[in-house]
Amino acid sequence: MIQRLQSLYLLAITVISCLLLFSDIPFYSETGKPVATTESTGDTVAYSTITVTVDYNSTDTQEGKIGTNHTLVYFLGGIALLSLITIFLFKNRKLQQRLVFGVIVMTVVVIVSMYLLSFGNHYTEIDTKQFVLNGAGIPLAIFVFAILAYKRIGKDEKLVRSLDRIR
């Protein structure tokens, strides 16, 4: 049922994960070695940079594509699909709670994958400046909504059990 609060949380998870999946929101940027300097003064004009986003060919530099992020794409698609399916399992709250726990685990995998794709890879060679961009906080919103949905499903189950006891 769409009027329950956990259904709205699950719908928000679906929308957010689809937003991450189908848009090119960057979550990490790294600026490295100088690639262009002025001849007269020797000042640096441009640096090699990369930006990592959730896309098949998203690790881009000025020189071209570096790698692929299949793990993020697959897990974000799984999160979107699983949370959408979970909305319609409102009659089976135990199964719904287990599936939301699966969404939580998959979200942790996405967050860890984003971290591993970002820091420590040294896409550029020397003097790197690493930046975490605003897009890195979006999976945390999925995590928070999943925790809230898990708790609300538990409250619903507790309420139904208490009403069954009264009868």
Foldseek 3Di string as FASTA:
>chain_A
DCPAPLLVLLVVLLVLLVCQQPDFDWFKKKWFDADDADPPPRHGDGTWMWTAGNDQQHTAIPVGTDGGLVLSNVLSVVLNVLSVVLSVPLVDLVVSLVSLVVSLVSLVVNLVSVVVVHPPPCPDDHDMDMDGDPVSCSSVSSNVSSVVSNVSSVVVVVVVVVVVVVD
